[in-house]
Amino acid sequence: MTTTTSHSPAIAAKGLRKAYGDKTVLDGIDLTVPAGTVFALLGPNGAGKTTAVKILSTLVTADAGDLHVGGHDLATDPQAVRAAIGVTGQFSAVDGLITGEENMLLMADLHLLSRSEGRRTAAELLERFDLVEAAKKPVSTYSGGMKRRLDLAMTLVGNPRIIFLDEPTTGLDPRSRHNMWQIIRDLVSDGVTVFLTTQYLEEADELADRIAVLNDGKIAAEGSAAELKRLIPGGHVRLRFTDPAAYQSAAVALRDATRDDEALALQIPSGGSQRELRSILDWLDTAGIEADELTVHTPDLDDVFFALTGTTGIPTQPKETVR
């Protein structure tokens, strides 16, 4: 039986296709997720993100594609795939009528753990996810963030090495979202592979080693966050002056710069690389001109998302570095 090694990807999909009637949801996409990394699949509503998760987690059958998860062929050995993975969907799967501890013990029973092993595993995970105080309370009394943490804790009962998280922080407040991010980072530091779908662009930027943007059933672009941002023009360096004479001298010399006479500021097209910044700073020093503020503006994932899909994502804060 084939297993995932450090040299083979945790998830590999080639030519993945799925249609519902005459609606093609996934149009022959290719995905490769190295073990021990976070892979984020971005896309607008209806792009096919959840369908991809359902197929790769054996819940839905693909129409075509060579698909391997955890080193196992999805078509010929789906049971081995199920044994290697955990899935947390968009909506919490916990039972609100029973306690958090009872939910955990029920999951332990489903994984055929002995009573003592099940109790030990449940206790460890409840502590890890900061749910000890709430463990004896009905889940219906939990906050959204607590339910999400319990949901993920239940997913980990079987110690999966590959976890699918389908929009895991939807509806959470910022504090709960950041708590979930740290949990995901901790999982990956333990060697777990995370396949994440999200519409939160900041989430993909914070967590993902690689990001794929899904649009109209195809992968519009794939790469690290930095690589994707470099695809989009619009980066620039902004120089602001308080001395009108220095501003005029710089404006005359930097003819490619866009002037803002009211703010005494110049905008110079730039990708924000270290070499470009050094060149600008060296030029200022050589010319004896001192800018009071230098600000680097780089495109963010919101810009990427809009450019590739024609759809605005949930806005992220512009990333600026003031020197």
Protein backbone atom coordinates (compact mmCIF):
# COMPACT_ATOMS: atom_id res chain seq x y z
CA MET A 1 0.00 0.00 0.00
CA THR A 2 1.36 3.40 -1.02
CA THR A 3 1.76 6.02 1.67
CA THR A 4 2.69 9.67 1.60
CA THR A 5 6.39 10.37 1.99
CA SER A 6 8.23 13.62 2.38
CA HIS A 7 8.94 13.46 -1.38
CA SER A 8 5.40 12.77 -2.60
CA PRO A 9 2.59 15.33 -2.44
CA ALA A 10 -0.15 14.95 0.13
CA ILE A 11 -2.73 15.80 -2.53
CA ALA A 12 -2.32 15.53 -6.29
CA ALA A 13 -5.09 16.14 -8.81
CA LYS A 14 -4.65 16.14 -12.56
CA GLY A 15 -7.47 16.92 -14.97
CA LEU A 16 -10.14 17.09 -12.26
CA ARG A 17 -13.53 17.56 -13.88
CA LYS A 18 -17.04 17.76 -12.48
CA ALA A 19 -20.29 18.86 -14.06
CA TYR A 20 -23.87 18.95 -12.86
CA GLY A 21 -26.02 18.67 -15.96
CA ASP A 22 -24.81 21.26 -18.44
CA LYS A 23 -23.06 23.26 -15.69
CA THR A 24 -19.31 22.55 -15.60
CA VAL A 25 -18.11 23.25 -12.08
CA LEU A 26 -14.51 22.04 -12.35
CA ASP A 27 -13.05 22.10 -15.84
CA GLY A 28 -9.95 19.90 -15.78
CA ILE A 29 -8.01 21.56 -12.96
CA ASP A 30 -4.58 20.47 -11.69
CA LEU A 31 -3.60 20.79 -8.03
CA THR A 32 -0.50 19.71 -6.11
CA VAL A 33 -0.22 20.13 -2.34
CA PRO A 34 3.11 19.25 -0.68
CA ALA A 35 2.92 17.46 2.66
CA GLY A 36 3.08 19.64 5.77
CA THR A 37 1.89 22.83 4.06
CA VAL A 38 -1.23 25.00 3.86
CA PHE A 39 -2.83 25.19 0.42
CA ALA A 40 -5.59 27.77 -0.03
CA LEU A 41 -8.21 27.59 -2.76
CA LEU A 42 -9.72 31.03 -3.37
CA GLY A 43 -12.71 31.86 -5.49
CA PRO A 44 -16.04 33.67 -5.58
CA ASN A 45 -19.26 31.97 -4.50
CA GLY A 46 -20.14 29.16 -6.89
CA ALA A 47 -16.60 28.86 -8.23
CA GLY A 48 -16.38 25.17 -7.26
CA LYS A 49 -14.30 25.34 -4.07
CA THR A 50 -16.63 23.18 -1.99
CA THR A 51 -17.09 20.74 -4.87
CA ALA A 52 -13.32 20.27 -5.03
CA VAL A 53 -13.22 19.54 -1.29
CA LYS A 54 -16.11 17.09 -1.54
CA ILE A 55 -14.42 15.20 -4.37
CA LEU A 56 -10.97 15.04 -2.75
CA SER A 57 -12.53 13.92 0.55
CA THR A 58 -14.48 11.10 -1.19
CA LEU A 59 -17.92 12.64 -0.59
CA VAL A 60 -18.61 13.22 -4.31
CA THR A 61 -17.33 11.30 -7.33
CA ALA A 62 -15.38 13.16 -9.99
CA ASP A 63 -16.36 12.86 -13.65
CA ALA A 64 -12.70 12.59 -14.64
CA GLY A 65 -9.22 13.08 -13.25
CA ASP A 66 -6.20 11.29 -11.85
CA LEU A 67 -6.59 11.94 -8.13
CA HIS A 68 -4.37 10.90 -5.23
CA VAL A 69 -4.75 11.86 -1.57
CA GLY A 70 -2.30 10.67 1.07
CA GLY A 71 -0.61 8.58 -1.60
CA HIS A 72 -3.81 6.64 -2.30
CA ASP A 73 -5.74 6.52 -5.56
CA LEU A 74 -9.10 8.14 -4.95
CA ALA A 75 -10.84 5.96 -7.55
CA THR A 76 -9.50 2.55 -6.47
CA ASP A 77 -8.88 2.99 -2.73
CA PRO A 78 -11.28 5.58 -1.29
CA GLN A 79 -11.36 3.83 2.08
CA ALA A 80 -7.62 4.37 2.54
CA VAL A 81 -8.12 8.04 1.67
CA ARG A 82 -10.86 8.35 4.30
CA ALA A 83 -8.56 6.83 6.90
CA ALA A 84 -5.91 9.48 6.17
CA ILE A 85 -8.04 12.62 6.16
CA GLY A 86 -10.26 14.81 8.30
CA VAL A 87 -12.90 17.22 7.04
CA THR A 88 -14.40 20.33 8.62
CA GLY A 89 -17.13 21.89 6.51
CA GLN A 90 -18.60 25.36 6.25
CA PHE A 91 -21.22 24.57 8.86
CA SER A 92 -20.50 23.01 12.22
CA ALA A 93 -21.30 19.30 12.40
CA VAL A 94 -21.46 19.16 16.18
CA ASP A 95 -24.60 18.03 18.03
CA GLY A 96 -25.99 20.94 20.02
CA LEU A 97 -28.18 18.77 22.23
CA ILE A 98 -25.28 17.07 23.99
CA THR A 99 -22.15 18.38 25.71
CA GLY A 100 -18.82 19.08 24.10
CA GLU A 101 -17.29 16.12 25.90
CA GLU A 102 -20.09 13.83 24.71
CA ASN A 103 -19.54 14.99 21.13
CA MET A 104 -15.85 14.10 21.46
CA LEU A 105 -16.58 10.67 22.98
CA LEU A 106 -19.10 9.94 20.24
CA MET A 107 -16.43 10.68 17.65
CA ALA A 108 -13.99 8.43 19.53
CA ASP A 109 -16.56 5.61 19.36
CA LEU A 110 -16.93 6.14 15.61
CA HIS A 111 -13.16 5.74 15.30
CA LEU A 112 -13.42 2.49 17.31
CA LEU A 113 -11.17 3.74 20.09
CA SER A 114 -11.32 1.88 23.38
CA ARG A 115 -13.19 3.59 26.21
CA SER A 116 -9.98 4.56 28.01
CA GLU A 117 -8.24 5.72 24.84
CA GLY A 118 -11.32 7.65 23.77
CA ARG A 119 -11.52 9.49 27.10
CA ARG A 120 -7.81 10.27 27.03
CA THR A 121 -7.97 11.58 23.44
CA ALA A 122 -11.08 13.64 24.19
CA ALA A 123 -9.51 15.17 27.30
CA GLU A 124 -6.29 16.06 25.44
CA LEU A 125 -8.11 17.70 22.54
CA LEU A 126 -10.55 19.59 24.77
CA GLU A 127 -7.57 21.02 26.62
CA ARG A 128 -5.68 21.79 23.43
CA PHE A 129 -8.65 23.73 22.06
CA ASP A 130 -9.35 25.56 25.33
CA LEU A 131 -12.72 23.86 25.84
CA VAL A 132 -12.19 22.23 29.24
CA GLU A 133 -14.43 24.66 31.14
CA ALA A 134 -17.22 24.25 28.58
CA ALA A 135 -16.83 20.48 28.16
CA LYS A 136 -19.78 19.59 30.43
CA LYS A 137 -22.12 22.20 28.93
CA PRO A 138 -24.54 21.61 26.02
CA VAL A 139 -23.01 22.70 22.73
CA SER A 140 -26.13 24.80 22.08
CA THR A 141 -24.73 27.24 24.67
CA TYR A 142 -21.38 27.62 22.83
CA SER A 143 -20.36 30.68 20.84
CA GLY A 144 -19.66 30.36 17.13
CA GLY A 145 -15.92 30.28 17.74
CA MET A 146 -16.26 27.57 20.38
CA LYS A 147 -18.37 25.43 18.04
CA ARG A 148 -15.75 25.79 15.32
CA ARG A 149 -12.98 24.76 17.71
CA LEU A 150 -15.00 21.76 18.87
CA ASP A 151 -15.72 20.81 15.27
CA LEU A 152 -12.02 20.83 14.44
CA ALA A 153 -11.17 18.99 17.67
CA MET A 154 -13.60 16.24 16.65
CA THR A 155 -11.93 16.08 13.23
CA LEU A 156 -8.58 15.43 14.95
CA VAL A 157 -9.79 12.44 17.00
CA GLY A 158 -8.63 10.09 14.26
CA ASN A 159 -5.23 11.84 14.03
CA PRO A 160 -5.53 12.64 10.31
CA ARG A 161 -2.40 13.82 8.49
CA ILE A 162 -4.43 15.69 5.86
CA ILE A 163 -7.24 18.05 6.83
CA PHE A 164 -9.76 19.75 4.53
CA LEU A 165 -11.09 23.00 5.97
CA ASP A 166 -13.95 24.37 3.89
CA GLU A 167 -14.35 28.05 4.85
CA PRO A 168 -13.62 27.28 8.52
CA THR A 169 -13.87 30.85 9.83
CA THR A 170 -17.01 32.00 8.04
CA GLY A 171 -19.13 34.04 10.43
CA LEU A 172 -16.54 34.23 13.18
CA ASP A 173 -15.57 37.47 14.90
CA PRO A 174 -11.98 38.71 14.37
CA ARG A 175 -10.70 37.32 17.69
CA SER A 176 -12.14 33.85 17.01
CA ARG A 177 -10.76 33.96 13.47
CA HIS A 178 -7.26 34.74 14.73
CA ASN A 179 -7.55 31.94 17.31
CA MET A 180 -8.45 29.51 14.51
CA TRP A 181 -5.49 30.72 12.46
CA GLN A 182 -3.13 29.90 15.32
CA ILE A 183 -4.65 26.44 15.66
CA ILE A 184 -4.06 25.85 11.94
CA ARG A 185 -0.44 27.04 12.23
CA ASP A 186 0.12 24.66 15.15
CA LEU A 187 -1.29 21.74 13.16
CA VAL A 188 1.02 22.44 10.25
CA SER A 189 4.03 22.74 12.58
CA ASP A 190 3.18 19.18 13.65
CA GLY A 191 3.42 18.04 10.03
CA VAL A 192 -0.28 18.09 9.14
CA THR A 193 -1.27 19.15 5.61
CA VAL A 194 -4.15 21.64 5.41
CA PHE A 195 -6.29 22.17 2.30
CA LEU A 196 -8.17 25.41 2.97
CA THR A 197 -10.97 27.06 1.05
CA THR A 198 -11.78 30.64 1.97
CA GLN A 199 -13.19 33.90 0.73
CA TYR A 200 -11.21 35.83 3.34
CA LEU A 201 -8.23 37.09 1.39
CA GLU A 202 -6.35 38.07 4.52
CA GLU A 203 -6.77 34.49 5.73
CA ALA A 204 -5.07 33.04 2.66
CA ASP A 205 -2.35 35.68 2.90
CA GLU A 206 -1.70 34.86 6.56
CA LEU A 207 -1.77 31.07 6.37
CA ALA A 208 -1.13 29.66 2.93
CA ASP A 209 2.18 28.48 1.51
CA ARG A 210 0.53 28.34 -1.90
CA ILE A 211 -2.72 29.81 -3.20
CA ALA A 212 -4.80 28.88 -6.24
CA VAL A 213 -7.50 31.21 -7.55
CA LEU A 214 -10.47 29.29 -8.99
CA ASN A 215 -12.72 31.06 -11.47
CA ASP A 216 -15.25 29.68 -13.96
CA GLY A 217 -14.13 26.14 -13.21
CA LYS A 218 -10.47 26.79 -14.01
CA ILE A 219 -7.37 27.77 -12.05
CA ALA A 220 -6.85 31.40 -13.00
CA ALA A 221 -3.49 31.63 -11.20
CA GLU A 222 -1.44 29.75 -8.63
CA GLY A 223 1.59 30.59 -6.50
CA SER A 224 2.67 32.01 -3.19
CA ALA A 225 0.94 35.18 -2.00
CA ALA A 226 4.00 37.21 -3.02
CA GLU A 227 4.06 35.63 -6.50
CA LEU A 228 0.38 36.34 -7.06
CA LYS A 229 0.75 39.95 -5.96
CA ARG A 230 3.53 40.45 -8.49
CA LEU A 231 1.09 39.52 -11.27
CA ILE A 232 -0.87 42.72 -10.68
CA PRO A 233 0.46 46.14 -11.74
CA GLY A 234 -0.07 49.20 -9.57
CA GLY A 235 2.74 49.00 -7.05
CA HIS A 236 4.44 52.30 -6.34
CA VAL A 237 6.66 54.25 -4.00
CA ARG A 238 5.28 57.50 -2.61
CA LEU A 239 7.66 60.26 -1.58
CA ARG A 240 6.25 63.08 0.55
CA PHE A 241 8.03 66.35 1.24
CA THR A 242 7.50 69.26 3.64
CA ASP A 243 10.00 71.52 1.86
CA PRO A 244 8.42 72.87 -1.37
CA ALA A 245 11.84 73.47 -2.91
CA ALA A 246 12.92 69.88 -2.32
CA TYR A 247 9.63 68.71 -3.77
CA GLN A 248 10.08 70.80 -6.92
CA SER A 249 13.65 69.57 -7.39
CA ALA A 250 12.59 65.95 -7.06
CA ALA A 251 9.59 66.44 -9.38
CA VAL A 252 11.80 67.92 -12.10
CA ALA A 253 14.34 65.12 -11.84
CA LEU A 254 11.84 62.25 -11.54
CA ARG A 255 9.89 62.84 -14.72
CA ASP A 256 8.15 59.44 -14.57
CA ALA A 257 6.65 60.27 -11.19
CA THR A 258 3.03 61.31 -10.77
CA ARG A 259 2.80 64.69 -9.01
CA ASP A 260 0.48 65.67 -6.17
CA ASP A 261 1.28 69.37 -5.78
CA GLU A 262 -1.22 69.90 -2.98
CA ALA A 263 0.25 67.12 -0.81
CA LEU A 264 3.84 67.76 -2.00
CA ALA A 265 4.06 64.07 -2.92
CA LEU A 266 5.44 62.07 -5.82
CA GLN A 267 4.28 58.59 -6.85
CA ILE A 268 6.87 56.44 -8.62
CA PRO A 269 5.86 53.13 -10.29
CA SER A 270 7.67 50.31 -8.49
CA GLY A 271 7.33 46.63 -7.69
CA GLY A 272 8.64 47.36 -4.20
CA SER A 273 11.76 45.25 -4.57
CA GLN A 274 14.80 45.91 -2.41
CA ARG A 275 16.82 46.86 -5.49
CA GLU A 276 14.28 49.46 -6.62
CA LEU A 277 14.04 50.99 -3.16
CA ARG A 278 17.82 51.16 -2.85
CA SER A 279 18.02 52.88 -6.24
CA ILE A 280 15.51 55.54 -5.17
CA LEU A 281 17.27 56.12 -1.85
CA ASP A 282 20.69 56.30 -3.54
CA TRP A 283 19.34 58.81 -6.03
CA LEU A 284 17.94 61.00 -3.23
CA ASP A 285 21.29 60.90 -1.41
CA THR A 286 23.26 61.74 -4.56
CA ALA A 287 20.95 64.64 -5.40
CA GLY A 288 21.10 65.91 -1.83
CA ILE A 289 17.30 65.77 -1.59
CA GLU A 290 15.64 64.59 1.60
CA ALA A 291 12.12 63.15 1.49
CA ASP A 292 10.23 63.34 4.78
CA GLU A 293 8.36 60.12 4.16
CA LEU A 294 8.82 57.14 1.85
CA THR A 295 5.87 54.75 1.61
CA VAL A 296 5.82 51.49 -0.34
CA HIS A 297 2.44 50.47 -1.73
CA THR A 298 2.17 46.92 -3.07
CA PRO A 299 -0.90 45.21 -4.57
CA ASP A 300 -2.62 42.91 -2.08
CA LEU A 301 -4.65 39.75 -2.59
CA ASP A 302 -7.81 41.81 -2.91
CA ASP A 303 -6.33 43.38 -6.04
CA VAL A 304 -5.32 39.93 -7.32
CA PHE A 305 -8.76 38.47 -6.61
CA PHE A 306 -10.54 41.30 -8.40
CA ALA A 307 -8.21 41.24 -11.40
CA LEU A 308 -8.48 37.47 -11.88
CA THR A 309 -12.17 36.95 -11.16
CA GLY A 310 -13.81 40.31 -11.77
CA THR A 311 -15.29 39.94 -8.29
CA THR A 312 -14.36 41.89 -5.20
CA GLY A 313 -13.45 39.74 -2.25
CA ILE A 314 -13.81 40.74 1.39
CA PRO A 315 -11.55 43.81 1.60
CA THR A 316 -8.19 43.55 3.28
CA GLN A 317 -6.18 46.42 4.66
CA PRO A 318 -3.63 47.83 2.18
CA LYS A 319 -0.15 46.67 3.01
CA GLU A 320 2.14 49.68 3.38
CA THR A 321 5.60 50.01 4.82
CA VAL A 322 6.69 53.47 5.95
CA ARG A 323 10.40 54.11 6.09
